[in-house]
Amino acid sequence: MKVYTYSEVRQQLSKVLDIARKEEVIIKRKGGETFLLVFKKAPKSPFDVHGVRTSATTGDILEAIRETRSR
């Protein structure tokens, strides 16, 4: 766990954020307050899926939809 002063963080924010990706970072202010900086991964959407390669055209897909709806 790394500890930085508020002034150090202001001067080296990018570096501190990179370190926070790997470990927790504590930031100390002049008045004695301390803050914990922790990296949080963004959750993936369940709709974030890889595409499928196919030779089907838009017309083919629309025709298949019409066929299933007409039954």
PDB file of N, CA and C in Angstrom:
ATOM      1  N   MET A   1       0.844  -1.167   0.000  1.00  0.00           N
ATOM      2  CA  MET A   1       0.000   0.000   0.000  1.00  0.00           C
ATOM      3  C   MET A   1       0.893   1.234   0.000  1.00  0.00           C
ATOM      4  N   LYS A   2       0.647   2.118  -0.951  1.00  0.00           N
ATOM      5  CA  LYS A   2       1.426   3.350  -1.064  1.00  0.00           C
ATOM      6  C   LYS A   2       0.699   4.491  -0.355  1.00  0.00           C
ATOM      7  N   VAL A   3       1.477   5.403   0.214  1.00  0.00           N
ATOM      8  CA  VAL A   3       0.920   6.567   0.902  1.00  0.00           C
ATOM      9  C   VAL A   3       1.503   7.822   0.258  1.00  0.00           C
ATOM     10  N   TYR A   4       0.609   8.748  -0.121  1.00  0.00           N
ATOM     11  CA  TYR A   4       1.019  10.001  -0.749  1.00  0.00           C
ATOM     12  C   TYR A   4       0.356  11.159  -0.019  1.00  0.00           C
ATOM     13  N   THR A   5       1.008  12.311  -0.084  1.00  0.00           N
ATOM     14  CA  THR A   5       0.371  13.518   0.421  1.00  0.00           C
ATOM     15  C   THR A   5      -0.522  14.064  -0.686  1.00  0.00           C
ATOM     16  N   TYR A   6      -1.443  14.919  -0.293  1.00  0.00           N
ATOM     17  CA  TYR A   6      -2.350  15.542  -1.251  1.00  0.00           C
ATOM     18  C   TYR A   6      -1.559  16.271  -2.336  1.00  0.00           C
ATOM     19  N   SER A   7      -0.504  16.987  -1.943  1.00  0.00           N
ATOM     20  CA  SER A   7       0.310  17.741  -2.902  1.00  0.00           C
ATOM     21  C   SER A   7       1.002  16.811  -3.896  1.00  0.00           C
ATOM     22  N   GLU A   8       1.517  15.688  -3.416  1.00  0.00           N
ATOM     23  CA  GLU A   8       2.165  14.725  -4.312  1.00  0.00           C
ATOM     24  C   GLU A   8       1.174  14.173  -5.333  1.00  0.00           C
ATOM     25  N   VAL A   9      -0.028  13.897  -4.881  1.00  0.00           N
ATOM     26  CA  VAL A   9      -1.052  13.360  -5.788  1.00  0.00           C
ATOM     27  C   VAL A   9      -1.416  14.388  -6.847  1.00  0.00           C
ATOM     28  N   ARG A  10      -1.538  15.644  -6.449  1.00  0.00           N
ATOM     29  CA  ARG A  10      -1.853  16.701  -7.420  1.00  0.00           C
ATOM     30  C   ARG A  10      -0.785  16.798  -8.495  1.00  0.00           C
ATOM     31  N   GLN A  11       0.464  16.640  -8.113  1.00  0.00           N
ATOM     32  CA  GLN A  11       1.569  16.769  -9.066  1.00  0.00           C
ATOM     33  C   GLN A  11       1.721  15.530  -9.947  1.00  0.00           C
ATOM     34  N   GLN A  12       1.345  14.358  -9.438  1.00  0.00           N
ATOM     35  CA  GLN A  12       1.592  13.102 -10.154  1.00  0.00           C
ATOM     36  C   GLN A  12       0.327  12.252 -10.269  1.00  0.00           C
ATOM     37  N   LEU A  13      -0.799  12.864 -10.580  1.00  0.00           N
ATOM     38  CA  LEU A  13      -2.074  12.156 -10.586  1.00  0.00           C
ATOM     39  C   LEU A  13      -2.060  10.937 -11.506  1.00  0.00           C
ATOM     40  N   SER A  14      -1.558  11.080 -12.705  1.00  0.00           N
ATOM     41  CA  SER A  14      -1.539   9.971 -13.656  1.00  0.00           C
ATOM     42  C   SER A  14      -0.750   8.779 -13.108  1.00  0.00           C
ATOM     43  N   LYS A  15       0.405   9.056 -12.524  1.00  0.00           N
ATOM     44  CA  LYS A  15       1.251   8.004 -11.947  1.00  0.00           C
ATOM     45  C   LYS A  15       0.534   7.324 -10.772  1.00  0.00           C
ATOM     46  N   VAL A  16      -0.099   8.103  -9.926  1.00  0.00           N
ATOM     47  CA  VAL A  16      -0.799   7.562  -8.756  1.00  0.00           C
ATOM     48  C   VAL A  16      -1.973   6.685  -9.196  1.00  0.00           C
ATOM     49  N   LEU A  17      -2.700   7.100 -10.230  1.00  0.00           N
ATOM     50  CA  LEU A  17      -3.810   6.293 -10.725  1.00  0.00           C
ATOM     51  C   LEU A  17      -3.322   4.970 -11.311  1.00  0.00           C
ATOM     52  N   ASP A  18      -2.170   4.993 -11.984  1.00  0.00           N
ATOM     53  CA  ASP A  18      -1.589   3.745 -12.508  1.00  0.00           C
ATOM     54  C   ASP A  18      -1.217   2.799 -11.364  1.00  0.00           C
ATOM     55  N   ILE A  19      -0.674   3.340 -10.303  1.00  0.00           N
ATOM     56  CA  ILE A  19      -0.310   2.522  -9.138  1.00  0.00           C
ATOM     57  C   ILE A  19      -1.567   1.954  -8.483  1.00  0.00           C
ATOM     58  N   ALA A  20      -2.634   2.754  -8.448  1.00  0.00           N
ATOM     59  CA  ALA A  20      -3.891   2.319  -7.823  1.00  0.00           C
ATOM     60  C   ALA A  20      -4.522   1.150  -8.575  1.00  0.00           C
ATOM     61  N   ARG A  21      -4.156   0.953  -9.829  1.00  0.00           N
ATOM     62  CA  ARG A  21      -4.653  -0.216 -10.573  1.00  0.00           C
ATOM     63  C   ARG A  21      -4.122  -1.508  -9.972  1.00  0.00           C
ATOM     64  N   LYS A  22      -2.947  -1.444  -9.347  1.00  0.00           N
ATOM     65  CA  LYS A  22      -2.288  -2.643  -8.826  1.00  0.00           C
ATOM     66  C   LYS A  22      -2.431  -2.808  -7.317  1.00  0.00           C
ATOM     67  N   GLU A  23      -2.528  -1.692  -6.601  1.00  0.00           N
ATOM     68  CA  GLU A  23      -2.617  -1.752  -5.141  1.00  0.00           C
ATOM     69  C   GLU A  23      -3.354  -0.529  -4.604  1.00  0.00           C
ATOM     70  N   GLU A  24      -3.780  -0.615  -3.371  1.00  0.00           N
ATOM     71  CA  GLU A  24      -4.482   0.504  -2.743  1.00  0.00           C
ATOM     72  C   GLU A  24      -3.519   1.663  -2.493  1.00  0.00           C
ATOM     73  N   VAL A  25      -4.041   2.870  -2.600  1.00  0.00           N
ATOM     74  CA  VAL A  25      -3.243   4.075  -2.377  1.00  0.00           C
ATOM     75  C   VAL A  25      -3.941   4.911  -1.304  1.00  0.00           C
ATOM     76  N   ILE A  26      -3.179   5.384  -0.340  1.00  0.00           N
ATOM     77  CA  ILE A  26      -3.705   6.265   0.703  1.00  0.00           C
ATOM     78  C   ILE A  26      -3.221   7.681   0.419  1.00  0.00           C
ATOM     79  N   ILE A  27      -4.158   8.627   0.515  1.00  0.00           N
ATOM     80  CA  ILE A  27      -3.837  10.040   0.318  1.00  0.00           C
ATOM     81  C   ILE A  27      -4.061  10.747   1.647  1.00  0.00           C
ATOM     82  N   LYS A  28      -3.016  11.434   2.138  1.00  0.00           N
ATOM     83  CA  LYS A  28      -3.108  12.158   3.411  1.00  0.00           C
ATOM     84  C   LYS A  28      -3.172  13.656   3.157  1.00  0.00           C
ATOM     85  N   ARG A  29      -4.100  14.307   3.838  1.00  0.00           N
ATOM     86  CA  ARG A  29      -4.215  15.763   3.754  1.00  0.00           C
ATOM     87  C   ARG A  29      -3.556  16.399   4.965  1.00  0.00           C
ATOM     88  N   LYS A  30      -3.320  17.685   4.847  1.00  0.00           N
ATOM     89  CA  LYS A  30      -2.631  18.437   5.892  1.00  0.00           C
ATOM     90  C   LYS A  30      -3.342  18.353   7.240  1.00  0.00           C
ATOM     91  N   GLY A  31      -4.664  18.380   7.254  1.00  0.00           N
ATOM     92  CA  GLY A  31      -5.435  18.366   8.496  1.00  0.00           C
ATOM     93  C   GLY A  31      -5.529  16.995   9.144  1.00  0.00           C
ATOM     94  N   GLY A  32      -4.873  15.978   8.563  1.00  0.00           N
ATOM     95  CA  GLY A  32      -4.893  14.646   9.144  1.00  0.00           C
ATOM     96  C   GLY A  32      -5.900  13.696   8.509  1.00  0.00           C
ATOM     97  N   GLU A  33      -6.733  14.199   7.604  1.00  0.00           N
ATOM     98  CA  GLU A  33      -7.689  13.325   6.927  1.00  0.00           C
ATOM     99  C   GLU A  33      -6.952  12.362   6.002  1.00  0.00           C
ATOM    100  N   THR A  34      -7.451  11.154   5.906  1.00  0.00           N
ATOM    101  CA  THR A  34      -6.874  10.180   4.972  1.00  0.00           C
ATOM    102  C   THR A  34      -7.981   9.634   4.079  1.00  0.00           C
ATOM    103  N   PHE A  35      -7.613   9.355   2.853  1.00  0.00           N
ATOM    104  CA  PHE A  35      -8.541   8.824   1.860  1.00  0.00           C
ATOM    105  C   PHE A  35      -7.913   7.588   1.229  1.00  0.00           C
ATOM    106  N   LEU A  36      -8.735   6.618   0.907  1.00  0.00           N
ATOM    107  CA  LEU A  36      -8.272   5.390   0.285  1.00  0.00           C
ATOM    108  C   LEU A  36      -8.693   5.407  -1.173  1.00  0.00           C
ATOM    109  N   LEU A  37      -7.727   5.241  -2.073  1.00  0.00           N
ATOM    110  CA  LEU A  37      -7.976   5.217  -3.509  1.00  0.00           C
ATOM    111  C   LEU A  37      -7.859   3.777  -3.974  1.00  0.00           C
ATOM    112  N   VAL A  38      -8.965   3.236  -4.504  1.00  0.00           N
ATOM    113  CA  VAL A  38      -9.004   1.840  -4.937  1.00  0.00           C
ATOM    114  C   VAL A  38      -9.531   1.786  -6.365  1.00  0.00           C
ATOM    115  N   PHE A  39      -8.883   0.992  -7.204  1.00  0.00           N
ATOM    116  CA  PHE A  39      -9.297   0.812  -8.593  1.00  0.00           C
ATOM    117  C   PHE A  39     -10.545  -0.059  -8.645  1.00  0.00           C
ATOM    118  N   LYS A  40     -11.520   0.358  -9.453  1.00  0.00           N
ATOM    119  CA  LYS A  40     -12.746  -0.416  -9.606  1.00  0.00           C
ATOM    120  C   LYS A  40     -12.964  -0.682 -11.085  1.00  0.00           C
ATOM    121  N   LYS A  41     -12.997  -1.955 -11.458  1.00  0.00           N
ATOM    122  CA  LYS A  41     -13.227  -2.314 -12.857  1.00  0.00           C
ATOM    123  C   LYS A  41     -14.672  -2.036 -13.223  1.00  0.00           C
ATOM    124  N   ALA A  42     -14.848  -1.580 -14.447  1.00  0.00           N
ATOM    125  CA  ALA A  42     -16.207  -1.335 -14.938  1.00  0.00           C
ATOM    126  C   ALA A  42     -16.854  -2.681 -15.257  1.00  0.00           C
ATOM    127  N   PRO A  43     -18.089  -2.878 -14.805  1.00  0.00           N
ATOM    128  CA  PRO A  43     -18.752  -4.148 -15.103  1.00  0.00           C
ATOM    129  C   PRO A  43     -19.062  -4.254 -16.588  1.00  0.00           C
ATOM    130  N   LYS A  44     -19.003  -5.483 -17.110  1.00  0.00           N
ATOM    131  CA  LYS A  44     -19.318  -5.696 -18.513  1.00  0.00           C
ATOM    132  C   LYS A  44     -20.821  -5.868 -18.683  1.00  0.00           C
ATOM    133  N   SER A  45     -21.314  -5.376 -19.774  1.00  0.00           N
ATOM    134  CA  SER A  45     -22.720  -5.511 -20.093  1.00  0.00           C
ATOM    135  C   SER A  45     -23.003  -6.926 -20.580  1.00  0.00           C
ATOM    136  N   PRO A  46     -24.129  -7.512 -20.203  1.00  0.00           N
ATOM    137  CA  PRO A  46     -24.465  -8.837 -20.723  1.00  0.00           C
ATOM    138  C   PRO A  46     -24.749  -8.791 -22.224  1.00  0.00           C
ATOM    139  N   PHE A  47     -24.964  -7.596 -22.772  1.00  0.00           N
ATOM    140  CA  PHE A  47     -25.208  -7.457 -24.206  1.00  0.00           C
ATOM    141  C   PHE A  47     -23.919  -7.256 -24.998  1.00  0.00           C
ATOM    142  N   ASP A  48     -22.791  -7.207 -24.311  1.00  0.00           N
ATOM    143  CA  ASP A  48     -21.493  -7.034 -24.960  1.00  0.00           C
ATOM    144  C   ASP A  48     -20.996  -8.408 -25.427  1.00  0.00           C
ATOM    145  N   VAL A  49     -21.480  -8.836 -26.592  1.00  0.00           N
ATOM    146  CA  VAL A  49     -21.126 -10.156 -27.127  1.00  0.00           C
ATOM    147  C   VAL A  49     -20.396  -9.989 -28.451  1.00  0.00           C
ATOM    148  N   HIS A  50     -19.575 -10.979 -28.767  1.00  0.00           N
ATOM    149  CA  HIS A  50     -18.853 -10.951 -30.028  1.00  0.00           C
ATOM    150  C   HIS A  50     -19.815 -11.242 -31.175  1.00  0.00           C
ATOM    151  N   GLY A  51     -19.581 -10.617 -32.305  1.00  0.00           N
ATOM    152  CA  GLY A  51     -20.412 -10.837 -33.481  1.00  0.00           C
ATOM    153  C   GLY A  51     -20.138 -12.199 -34.099  1.00  0.00           C
ATOM    154  N   VAL A  52     -21.057 -12.614 -34.970  1.00  0.00           N
ATOM    155  CA  VAL A  52     -20.935 -13.885 -35.668  1.00  0.00           C
ATOM    156  C   VAL A  52     -20.753 -13.586 -37.150  1.00  0.00           C
ATOM    157  N   ARG A  53     -19.765 -14.205 -37.754  1.00  0.00           N
ATOM    158  CA  ARG A  53     -19.535 -14.014 -39.192  1.00  0.00           C
ATOM    159  C   ARG A  53     -20.493 -14.933 -39.956  1.00  0.00           C
ATOM    160  N   THR A  54     -21.183 -14.365 -40.915  1.00  0.00           N
ATOM    161  CA  THR A  54     -22.118 -15.141 -41.724  1.00  0.00           C
ATOM    162  C   THR A  54     -22.207 -14.532 -43.116  1.00  0.00           C
ATOM    163  N   SER A  55     -22.646 -15.338 -44.052  1.00  0.00           N
ATOM    164  CA  SER A  55     -22.812 -14.825 -45.412  1.00  0.00           C
ATOM    165  C   SER A  55     -24.248 -14.356 -45.648  1.00  0.00           C
ATOM    166  N   ALA A  56     -25.084 -14.417 -44.616  1.00  0.00           N
ATOM    167  CA  ALA A  56     -26.471 -13.972 -44.728  1.00  0.00           C
ATOM    168  C   ALA A  56     -26.527 -12.470 -44.959  1.00  0.00           C
ATOM    169  N   THR A  57     -27.404 -12.077 -45.846  1.00  0.00           N
ATOM    170  CA  THR A  57     -27.591 -10.648 -46.121  1.00  0.00           C
ATOM    171  C   THR A  57     -28.771 -10.140 -45.295  1.00  0.00           C
ATOM    172  N   THR A  58     -28.952  -8.842 -45.304  1.00  0.00           N
ATOM    173  CA  THR A  58     -30.102  -8.257 -44.606  1.00  0.00           C
ATOM    174  C   THR A  58     -31.397  -8.803 -45.174  1.00  0.00           C
ATOM    175  N   GLY A  59     -31.434  -8.952 -46.495  1.00  0.00           N
ATOM    176  CA  GLY A  59     -32.625  -9.512 -47.142  1.00  0.00           C
ATOM    177  C   GLY A  59     -32.919 -10.924 -46.669  1.00  0.00           C
ATOM    178  N   ASP A  60     -31.867 -11.748 -46.534  1.00  0.00           N
ATOM    179  CA  ASP A  60     -32.045 -13.118 -46.048  1.00  0.00           C
ATOM    180  C   ASP A  60     -32.638 -13.126 -44.634  1.00  0.00           C
ATOM    181  N   ILE A  61     -32.149 -12.269 -43.800  1.00  0.00           N
ATOM    182  CA  ILE A  61     -32.617 -12.207 -42.411  1.00  0.00           C
ATOM    183  C   ILE A  61     -34.070 -11.747 -42.355  1.00  0.00           C
ATOM    184  N   LEU A  62     -34.390 -10.698 -43.124  1.00  0.00           N
ATOM    185  CA  LEU A  62     -35.771 -10.203 -43.149  1.00  0.00           C
ATOM    186  C   LEU A  62     -36.728 -11.259 -43.697  1.00  0.00           C
ATOM    187  N   GLU A  63     -36.311 -11.994 -44.712  1.00  0.00           N
ATOM    188  CA  GLU A  63     -37.143 -13.059 -45.275  1.00  0.00           C
ATOM    189  C   GLU A  63     -37.389 -14.154 -44.242  1.00  0.00           C
ATOM    190  N   ALA A  64     -36.354 -14.531 -43.490  1.00  0.00           N
ATOM    191  CA  ALA A  64     -36.507 -15.551 -42.448  1.00  0.00           C
ATOM    192  C   ALA A  64     -37.479 -15.083 -41.370  1.00  0.00           C
ATOM    193  N   ILE A  65     -37.426 -13.815 -41.023  1.00  0.00           N
ATOM    194  CA  ILE A  65     -38.337 -13.267 -40.019  1.00  0.00           C
ATOM    195  C   ILE A  65     -39.774 -13.301 -40.542  1.00  0.00           C
ATOM    196  N   ARG A  66     -39.968 -12.900 -41.815  1.00  0.00           N
ATOM    197  CA  ARG A  66     -41.311 -12.924 -42.401  1.00  0.00           C
ATOM    198  C   ARG A  66     -41.869 -14.347 -42.428  1.00  0.00           C
ATOM    199  N   GLU A  67     -41.030 -15.315 -42.741  1.00  0.00           N
ATOM    200  CA  GLU A  67     -41.469 -16.712 -42.794  1.00  0.00           C
ATOM    201  C   GLU A  67     -41.943 -17.194 -41.413  1.00  0.00           C
ATOM    202  N   THR A  68     -41.194 -16.866 -40.377  1.00  0.00           N
ATOM    203  CA  THR A  68     -41.563 -17.324 -39.046  1.00  0.00           C
ATOM    204  C   THR A  68     -42.825 -16.626 -38.546  1.00  0.00           C
ATOM    205  N   ARG A  69     -43.050 -15.416 -38.963  1.00  0.00           N
ATOM    206  CA  ARG A  69     -44.240 -14.680 -38.531  1.00  0.00           C
ATOM    207  C   ARG A  69     -45.495 -15.097 -39.284  1.00  0.00           C
ATOM    208  N   SER A  70     -45.338 -15.615 -40.488  1.00  0.00           N
ATOM    209  CA  SER A  70     -46.501 -15.978 -41.299  1.00  0.00           C
ATOM    210  C   SER A  70     -47.026 -17.369 -40.951  1.00  0.00           C
ATOM    211  N   ARG A  71     -46.338 -18.135 -40.168  1.00  0.00           N
ATOM    212  CA  ARG A  71     -46.767 -19.502 -39.810  1.00  0.00           C
ATOM    213  C   ARG A  71     -47.853 -19.511 -38.808  1.00  0.00           C
TER     214      ARG A  71
END
